PDB file of N, CA and C in Angstrom:
ATOM      1  N   UNK A   1       0.850  -1.161   0.000  1.00  0.00           N
ATOM      2  CA  UNK A   1       0.000   0.000   0.000  1.00  0.00           C
ATOM      3  C   UNK A   1       0.901   1.231   0.000  1.00  0.00           C
ATOM      4  N   UNK A   2       0.662   2.102  -0.966  1.00  0.00           N
ATOM      5  CA  UNK A   2       1.442   3.332  -1.081  1.00  0.00           C
ATOM      6  C   UNK A   2       0.590   4.518  -0.649  1.00  0.00           C
ATOM      7  N   UNK A   3       1.215   5.460   0.012  1.00  0.00           N
ATOM      8  CA  UNK A   3       0.538   6.689   0.426  1.00  0.00           C
ATOM      9  C   UNK A   3       1.047   7.832  -0.442  1.00  0.00           C
ATOM     10  N   UNK A   4       0.103   8.568  -1.043  1.00  0.00           N
ATOM     11  CA  UNK A   4       0.484   9.698  -1.899  1.00  0.00           C
ATOM     12  C   UNK A   4      -0.393  10.897  -1.569  1.00  0.00           C
ATOM     13  N   UNK A   5       0.147  12.084  -1.783  1.00  0.00           N
ATOM     14  CA  UNK A   5      -0.613  13.319  -1.569  1.00  0.00           C
ATOM     15  C   UNK A   5      -1.572  13.546  -2.735  1.00  0.00           C
ATOM     16  N   UNK A   6      -2.635  14.281  -2.479  1.00  0.00           N
ATOM     17  CA  UNK A   6      -3.654  14.506  -3.513  1.00  0.00           C
ATOM     18  C   UNK A   6      -3.080  15.223  -4.729  1.00  0.00           C
ATOM     19  N   UNK A   7      -2.154  16.159  -4.504  1.00  0.00           N
ATOM     20  CA  UNK A   7      -1.559  16.874  -5.630  1.00  0.00           C
ATOM     21  C   UNK A   7      -0.765  15.913  -6.514  1.00  0.00           C
ATOM     22  N   UNK A   8      -0.003  15.013  -5.889  1.00  0.00           N
ATOM     23  CA  UNK A   8       0.764  14.032  -6.658  1.00  0.00           C
ATOM     24  C   UNK A   8      -0.169  13.075  -7.390  1.00  0.00           C
ATOM     25  N   UNK A   9      -1.262  12.688  -6.743  1.00  0.00           N
ATOM     26  CA  UNK A   9      -2.237  11.797  -7.381  1.00  0.00           C
ATOM     27  C   UNK A   9      -2.840  12.463  -8.612  1.00  0.00           C
ATOM     28  N   UNK A  10      -3.077  13.772  -8.513  1.00  0.00           N
ATOM     29  CA  UNK A  10      -3.649  14.510  -9.643  1.00  0.00           C
ATOM     30  C   UNK A  10      -2.645  14.620 -10.786  1.00  0.00           C
ATOM     31  N   UNK A  11      -1.402  14.901 -10.462  1.00  0.00           N
ATOM     32  CA  UNK A  11      -0.411  15.127 -11.519  1.00  0.00           C
ATOM     33  C   UNK A  11       0.093  13.848 -12.163  1.00  0.00           C
ATOM     34  N   UNK A  12       0.016  12.735 -11.450  1.00  0.00           N
ATOM     35  CA  UNK A  12       0.496  11.452 -11.995  1.00  0.00           C
ATOM     36  C   UNK A  12      -0.639  10.441 -12.104  1.00  0.00           C
ATOM     37  N   UNK A  13      -1.839  10.905 -12.412  1.00  0.00           N
ATOM     38  CA  UNK A  13      -3.012  10.039 -12.382  1.00  0.00           C
ATOM     39  C   UNK A  13      -2.892   8.841 -13.315  1.00  0.00           C
ATOM     40  N   UNK A  14      -2.422   9.026 -14.536  1.00  0.00           N
ATOM     41  CA  UNK A  14      -2.327   7.918 -15.492  1.00  0.00           C
ATOM     42  C   UNK A  14      -1.389   6.832 -14.985  1.00  0.00           C
ATOM     43  N   UNK A  15      -0.260   7.243 -14.465  1.00  0.00           N
ATOM     44  CA  UNK A  15       0.722   6.283 -13.936  1.00  0.00           C
ATOM     45  C   UNK A  15       0.159   5.529 -12.725  1.00  0.00           C
ATOM     46  N   UNK A  16      -0.504   6.249 -11.835  1.00  0.00           N
ATOM     47  CA  UNK A  16      -1.081   5.635 -10.642  1.00  0.00           C
ATOM     48  C   UNK A  16      -2.199   4.677 -11.024  1.00  0.00           C
ATOM     49  N   UNK A  17      -3.009   5.058 -11.989  1.00  0.00           N
ATOM     50  CA  UNK A  17      -4.098   4.206 -12.448  1.00  0.00           C
ATOM     51  C   UNK A  17      -3.564   2.910 -13.054  1.00  0.00           C
ATOM     52  N   UNK A  18      -2.487   3.005 -13.812  1.00  0.00           N
ATOM     53  CA  UNK A  18      -1.855   1.808 -14.400  1.00  0.00           C
ATOM     54  C   UNK A  18      -1.352   0.869 -13.302  1.00  0.00           C
ATOM     55  N   UNK A  19      -0.716   1.438 -12.276  1.00  0.00           N
ATOM     56  CA  UNK A  19      -0.225   0.620 -11.165  1.00  0.00           C
ATOM     57  C   UNK A  19      -1.374  -0.002 -10.376  1.00  0.00           C
ATOM     58  N   UNK A  20      -2.455   0.747 -10.194  1.00  0.00           N
ATOM     59  CA  UNK A  20      -3.617   0.214  -9.481  1.00  0.00           C
ATOM     60  C   UNK A  20      -4.240  -0.944 -10.253  1.00  0.00           C
ATOM     61  N   UNK A  21      -4.285  -0.834 -11.564  1.00  0.00           N
ATOM     62  CA  UNK A  21      -4.824  -1.922 -12.375  1.00  0.00           C
ATOM     63  C   UNK A  21      -3.959  -3.168 -12.268  1.00  0.00           C
ATOM     64  N   UNK A  22      -2.668  -2.988 -11.983  1.00  0.00           N
ATOM     65  CA  UNK A  22      -1.757  -4.114 -11.825  1.00  0.00           C
ATOM     66  C   UNK A  22      -1.816  -4.711 -10.423  1.00  0.00           C
ATOM     67  N   UNK A  23      -2.602  -4.103  -9.512  1.00  0.00           N
ATOM     68  CA  UNK A  23      -2.781  -4.685  -8.198  1.00  0.00           C
ATOM     69  C   UNK A  23      -2.330  -3.835  -7.023  1.00  0.00           C
ATOM     70  N   UNK A  24      -1.733  -2.696  -7.277  1.00  0.00           N
ATOM     71  CA  UNK A  24      -1.247  -1.821  -6.198  1.00  0.00           C
ATOM     72  C   UNK A  24      -2.419  -1.058  -5.574  1.00  0.00           C
ATOM     73  N   UNK A  25      -2.347  -0.818  -4.263  1.00  0.00           N
ATOM     74  CA  UNK A  25      -3.356  -0.049  -3.540  1.00  0.00           C
ATOM     75  C   UNK A  25      -2.723   1.271  -3.104  1.00  0.00           C
ATOM     76  N   UNK A  26      -3.443   2.376  -3.326  1.00  0.00           N
ATOM     77  CA  UNK A  26      -2.950   3.707  -2.968  1.00  0.00           C
ATOM     78  C   UNK A  26      -3.881   4.335  -1.942  1.00  0.00           C
ATOM     79  N   UNK A  27      -3.292   5.002  -0.955  1.00  0.00           N
ATOM     80  CA  UNK A  27      -4.040   5.829  -0.010  1.00  0.00           C
ATOM     81  C   UNK A  27      -3.725   7.269  -0.377  1.00  0.00           C
ATOM     82  N   UNK A  28      -4.756   8.043  -0.669  1.00  0.00           N
ATOM     83  CA  UNK A  28      -4.580   9.437  -1.066  1.00  0.00           C
ATOM     84  C   UNK A  28      -4.844  10.316   0.148  1.00  0.00           C
ATOM     85  N   UNK A  29      -3.897  11.221   0.422  1.00  0.00           N
ATOM     86  CA  UNK A  29      -3.994  12.081   1.603  1.00  0.00           C
ATOM     87  C   UNK A  29      -4.109  13.545   1.212  1.00  0.00           C
ATOM     88  N   UNK A  30      -4.703  14.328   2.118  1.00  0.00           N
ATOM     89  CA  UNK A  30      -4.730  15.787   1.974  1.00  0.00           C
ATOM     90  C   UNK A  30      -4.363  16.372   3.326  1.00  0.00           C
ATOM     91  N   UNK A  31      -3.326  17.165   3.338  1.00  0.00           N
ATOM     92  CA  UNK A  31      -2.806  17.739   4.584  1.00  0.00           C
ATOM     93  C   UNK A  31      -2.462  16.656   5.606  1.00  0.00           C
ATOM     94  N   UNK A  32      -1.967  15.521   5.108  1.00  0.00           N
ATOM     95  CA  UNK A  32      -1.548  14.442   5.992  1.00  0.00           C
ATOM     96  C   UNK A  32      -2.661  13.538   6.481  1.00  0.00           C
ATOM     97  N   UNK A  33      -3.915  13.821   6.132  1.00  0.00           N
ATOM     98  CA  UNK A  33      -5.036  12.989   6.562  1.00  0.00           C
ATOM     99  C   UNK A  33      -5.502  12.098   5.412  1.00  0.00           C
ATOM    100  N   UNK A  34      -5.805  10.878   5.742  1.00  0.00           N
ATOM    101  CA  UNK A  34      -6.295   9.931   4.731  1.00  0.00           C
ATOM    102  C   UNK A  34      -7.656  10.386   4.217  1.00  0.00           C
ATOM    103  N   UNK A  35      -7.764  10.459   2.892  1.00  0.00           N
ATOM    104  CA  UNK A  35      -9.019  10.899   2.278  1.00  0.00           C
ATOM    105  C   UNK A  35      -9.690   9.795   1.457  1.00  0.00           C
ATOM    106  N   UNK A  36      -8.880   8.996   0.772  1.00  0.00           N
ATOM    107  CA  UNK A  36      -9.462   7.986  -0.118  1.00  0.00           C
ATOM    108  C   UNK A  36      -8.463   6.871  -0.368  1.00  0.00           C
ATOM    109  N   UNK A  37      -8.996   5.762  -0.863  1.00  0.00           N
ATOM    110  CA  UNK A  37      -8.167   4.646  -1.314  1.00  0.00           C
ATOM    111  C   UNK A  37      -8.461   4.387  -2.779  1.00  0.00           C
ATOM    112  N   UNK A  38      -7.418   4.098  -3.506  1.00  0.00           N
ATOM    113  CA  UNK A  38      -7.557   3.701  -4.907  1.00  0.00           C
ATOM    114  C   UNK A  38      -7.031   2.280  -5.000  1.00  0.00           C
ATOM    115  N   UNK A  39      -7.907   1.370  -5.393  1.00  0.00           N
ATOM    116  CA  UNK A  39      -7.532  -0.042  -5.493  1.00  0.00           C
ATOM    117  C   UNK A  39      -8.123  -0.641  -6.757  1.00  0.00           C
ATOM    118  N   UNK A  40      -7.578  -1.765  -7.220  1.00  0.00           N
ATOM    119  CA  UNK A  40      -8.112  -2.369  -8.439  1.00  0.00           C
ATOM    120  C   UNK A  40      -9.504  -2.948  -8.200  1.00  0.00           C
ATOM    121  N   UNK A  41     -10.325  -2.900  -9.220  1.00  0.00           N
ATOM    122  CA  UNK A  41     -11.653  -3.502  -9.151  1.00  0.00           C
ATOM    123  C   UNK A  41     -11.521  -5.017  -9.329  1.00  0.00           C
ATOM    124  N   UNK A  42     -12.312  -5.781  -8.609  1.00  0.00           N
ATOM    125  CA  UNK A  42     -12.281  -7.232  -8.832  1.00  0.00           C
ATOM    126  C   UNK A  42     -12.907  -7.542 -10.190  1.00  0.00           C
ATOM    127  N   UNK A  43     -12.295  -8.446 -10.902  1.00  0.00           N
ATOM    128  CA  UNK A  43     -12.811  -8.802 -12.224  1.00  0.00           C
ATOM    129  C   UNK A  43     -13.459 -10.170 -12.175  1.00  0.00           C
ATOM    130  N   UNK A  44     -14.546 -10.334 -12.884  1.00  0.00           N
ATOM    131  CA  UNK A  44     -15.193 -11.633 -12.964  1.00  0.00           C
ATOM    132  C   UNK A  44     -14.610 -12.466 -14.100  1.00  0.00           C
ATOM    133  N   UNK A  45     -13.908 -11.806 -15.020  1.00  0.00           N
ATOM    134  CA  UNK A  45     -13.298 -12.502 -16.145  1.00  0.00           C
ATOM    135  C   UNK A  45     -11.874 -12.887 -15.753  1.00  0.00           C
ATOM    136  N   UNK A  46     -11.527 -14.171 -15.814  1.00  0.00           N
ATOM    137  CA  UNK A  46     -10.166 -14.552 -15.449  1.00  0.00           C
ATOM    138  C   UNK A  46      -9.154 -14.005 -16.450  1.00  0.00           C
ATOM    139  N   UNK A  47      -7.989 -13.637 -15.945  1.00  0.00           N
ATOM    140  CA  UNK A  47      -6.935 -13.143 -16.815  1.00  0.00           C
ATOM    141  C   UNK A  47      -6.369 -14.299 -17.632  1.00  0.00           C
ATOM    142  N   UNK A  48      -6.184 -14.064 -18.914  1.00  0.00           N
ATOM    143  CA  UNK A  48      -5.615 -15.088 -19.779  1.00  0.00           C
ATOM    144  C   UNK A  48      -4.114 -15.133 -19.597  1.00  0.00           C
ATOM    145  N   UNK A  49      -3.580 -16.324 -19.558  1.00  0.00           N
ATOM    146  CA  UNK A  49      -2.151 -16.507 -19.421  1.00  0.00           C
ATOM    147  C   UNK A  49      -1.651 -17.337 -20.585  1.00  0.00           C
ATOM    148  N   UNK A  50      -0.453 -17.035 -21.027  1.00  0.00           N
ATOM    149  CA  UNK A  50       0.137 -17.750 -22.140  1.00  0.00           C
ATOM    150  C   UNK A  50       0.285 -19.226 -21.770  1.00  0.00           C
ATOM    151  N   UNK A  51      -0.220 -20.100 -22.634  1.00  0.00           N
ATOM    152  CA  UNK A  51      -0.104 -21.536 -22.422  1.00  0.00           C
ATOM    153  C   UNK A  51      -1.180 -22.124 -21.535  1.00  0.00           C
ATOM    154  N   UNK A  52      -2.236 -21.359 -21.219  1.00  0.00           N
ATOM    155  CA  UNK A  52      -3.239 -21.862 -20.299  1.00  0.00           C
ATOM    156  C   UNK A  52      -4.076 -23.004 -20.886  1.00  0.00           C
ATOM    157  N   UNK A  53      -4.121 -23.153 -22.204  1.00  0.00           N
ATOM    158  CA  UNK A  53      -4.885 -24.236 -22.823  1.00  0.00           C
ATOM    159  C   UNK A  53      -4.006 -25.428 -23.189  1.00  0.00           C
ATOM    160  N   UNK A  54      -2.747 -25.388 -22.796  1.00  0.00           N
ATOM    161  CA  UNK A  54      -1.825 -26.459 -23.147  1.00  0.00           C
ATOM    162  C   UNK A  54      -2.298 -27.801 -22.599  1.00  0.00           C
ATOM    163  N   UNK A  55      -2.886 -27.799 -21.408  1.00  0.00           N
ATOM    164  CA  UNK A  55      -3.367 -29.048 -20.817  1.00  0.00           C
ATOM    165  C   UNK A  55      -4.522 -29.625 -21.624  1.00  0.00           C
ATOM    166  N   UNK A  56      -5.365 -28.768 -22.187  1.00  0.00           N
ATOM    167  CA  UNK A  56      -6.531 -29.243 -22.926  1.00  0.00           C
ATOM    168  C   UNK A  56      -6.156 -29.778 -24.311  1.00  0.00           C
ATOM    169  N   UNK A  57      -5.159 -29.196 -24.969  1.00  0.00           N
ATOM    170  CA  UNK A  57      -4.840 -29.572 -26.336  1.00  0.00           C
ATOM    171  C   UNK A  57      -3.514 -30.302 -26.489  1.00  0.00           C
ATOM    172  N   UNK A  58      -2.670 -30.256 -25.502  1.00  0.00           N
ATOM    173  CA  UNK A  58      -1.377 -30.924 -25.589  1.00  0.00           C
ATOM    174  C   UNK A  58      -0.399 -30.121 -26.433  1.00  0.00           C
ATOM    175  N   UNK A  59       0.792 -30.684 -26.659  1.00  0.00           N
ATOM    176  CA  UNK A  59       1.800 -29.940 -27.431  1.00  0.00           C
ATOM    177  C   UNK A  59       1.423 -29.847 -28.914  1.00  0.00           C
ATOM    178  N   UNK A  60       1.946 -28.840 -29.584  1.00  0.00           N
ATOM    179  CA  UNK A  60       1.710 -28.644 -31.015  1.00  0.00           C
ATOM    180  C   UNK A  60       2.602 -29.633 -31.780  1.00  0.00           C
ATOM    181  N   UNK A  61       2.028 -30.421 -32.696  1.00  0.00           N
ATOM    182  CA  UNK A  61       2.849 -31.381 -33.437  1.00  0.00           C
ATOM    183  C   UNK A  61       3.835 -30.666 -34.364  1.00  0.00           C
ATOM    184  N   UNK A  62       4.967 -31.301 -34.678  1.00  0.00           N
ATOM    185  CA  UNK A  62       5.978 -30.651 -35.517  1.00  0.00           C
ATOM    186  C   UNK A  62       5.493 -30.330 -36.935  1.00  0.00           C
ATOM    187  N   UNK A  63       4.514 -31.078 -37.445  1.00  0.00           N
ATOM    188  CA  UNK A  63       4.031 -30.840 -38.809  1.00  0.00           C
ATOM    189  C   UNK A  63       2.818 -29.902 -38.846  1.00  0.00           C
ATOM    190  N   UNK A  64       2.612 -29.130 -37.816  1.00  0.00           N
ATOM    191  CA  UNK A  64       1.448 -28.256 -37.715  1.00  0.00           C
ATOM    192  C   UNK A  64       1.344 -27.270 -38.884  1.00  0.00           C
ATOM    193  N   UNK A  65       2.459 -26.712 -39.331  1.00  0.00           N
ATOM    194  CA  UNK A  65       2.446 -25.701 -40.394  1.00  0.00           C
ATOM    195  C   UNK A  65       2.602 -26.289 -41.792  1.00  0.00           C
ATOM    196  N   UNK A  66       2.677 -27.573 -41.908  1.00  0.00           N
ATOM    197  CA  UNK A  66       2.790 -28.205 -43.220  1.00  0.00           C
ATOM    198  C   UNK A  66       1.439 -28.148 -43.939  1.00  0.00           C
ATOM    199  N   UNK A  67       1.440 -28.094 -45.279  1.00  0.00           N
ATOM    200  CA  UNK A  67       0.157 -28.066 -46.006  1.00  0.00           C
ATOM    201  C   UNK A  67      -0.605 -29.371 -45.823  1.00  0.00           C
ATOM    202  N   UNK A  68      -1.918 -29.278 -45.820  1.00  0.00           N
ATOM    203  CA  UNK A  68      -2.762 -30.464 -45.687  1.00  0.00           C
ATOM    204  C   UNK A  68      -2.795 -31.220 -47.004  1.00  0.00           C
ATOM    205  N   UNK A  69      -2.896 -32.515 -46.929  1.00  0.00           N
ATOM    206  CA  UNK A  69      -2.927 -33.354 -48.136  1.00  0.00           C
ATOM    207  C   UNK A  69      -4.167 -33.082 -48.967  1.00  0.00           C
ATOM    208  N   UNK A  70      -5.263 -32.737 -48.345  1.00  0.00           N
ATOM    209  CA  UNK A  70      -6.517 -32.502 -49.067  1.00  0.00           C
ATOM    210  C   UNK A  70      -6.419 -31.328 -50.034  1.00  0.00           C
ATOM    211  N   UNK A  71      -5.538 -30.368 -49.779  1.00  0.00           N
ATOM    212  CA  UNK A  71      -5.464 -29.164 -50.593  1.00  0.00           C
ATOM    213  C   UNK A  71      -4.319 -29.179 -51.597  1.00  0.00           C
ATOM    214  N   UNK A  72      -3.481 -30.181 -51.606  1.00  0.00           N
ATOM    215  CA  UNK A  72      -2.350 -30.207 -52.517  1.00  0.00           C
ATOM    216  C   UNK A  72      -2.772 -30.424 -53.966  1.00  0.00           C
ATOM    217  N   UNK A  73      -3.895 -31.093 -54.216  1.00  0.00           N
ATOM    218  CA  UNK A  73      -4.343 -31.344 -55.584  1.00  0.00           C
ATOM    219  C   UNK A  73      -4.877 -30.091 -56.255  1.00  0.00           C
ATOM    220  N   UNK A  74      -5.256 -29.060 -55.512  1.00  0.00           N
ATOM    221  CA  UNK A  74      -5.806 -27.830 -56.069  1.00  0.00           C
ATOM    222  C   UNK A  74      -4.743 -26.807 -56.432  1.00  0.00           C
ATOM    223  N   UNK A  75      -3.510 -27.051 -56.080  1.00  0.00           N
ATOM    224  CA  UNK A  75      -2.470 -26.062 -56.339  1.00  0.00           C
ATOM    225  C   UNK A  75      -1.914 -26.177 -57.731  1.00  0.00           C
TER     226      UNK A  75
END
């Protein structure tokens, strides 16, 4: 949890918003008193990760990019 002054939050809003979306929580203060918290919203959609379907489909065969036999007669 990071504590930032309201003026800094205003001047660096885009950067702070990007960090909040990545999971950081900010406490915004004015005159040293806590005024608000900025935190990421919970998402109902799971984040996609590279290789997440590997278990369902297995490894890609080595001949994956080779032309199919069915289409060679049309060339």
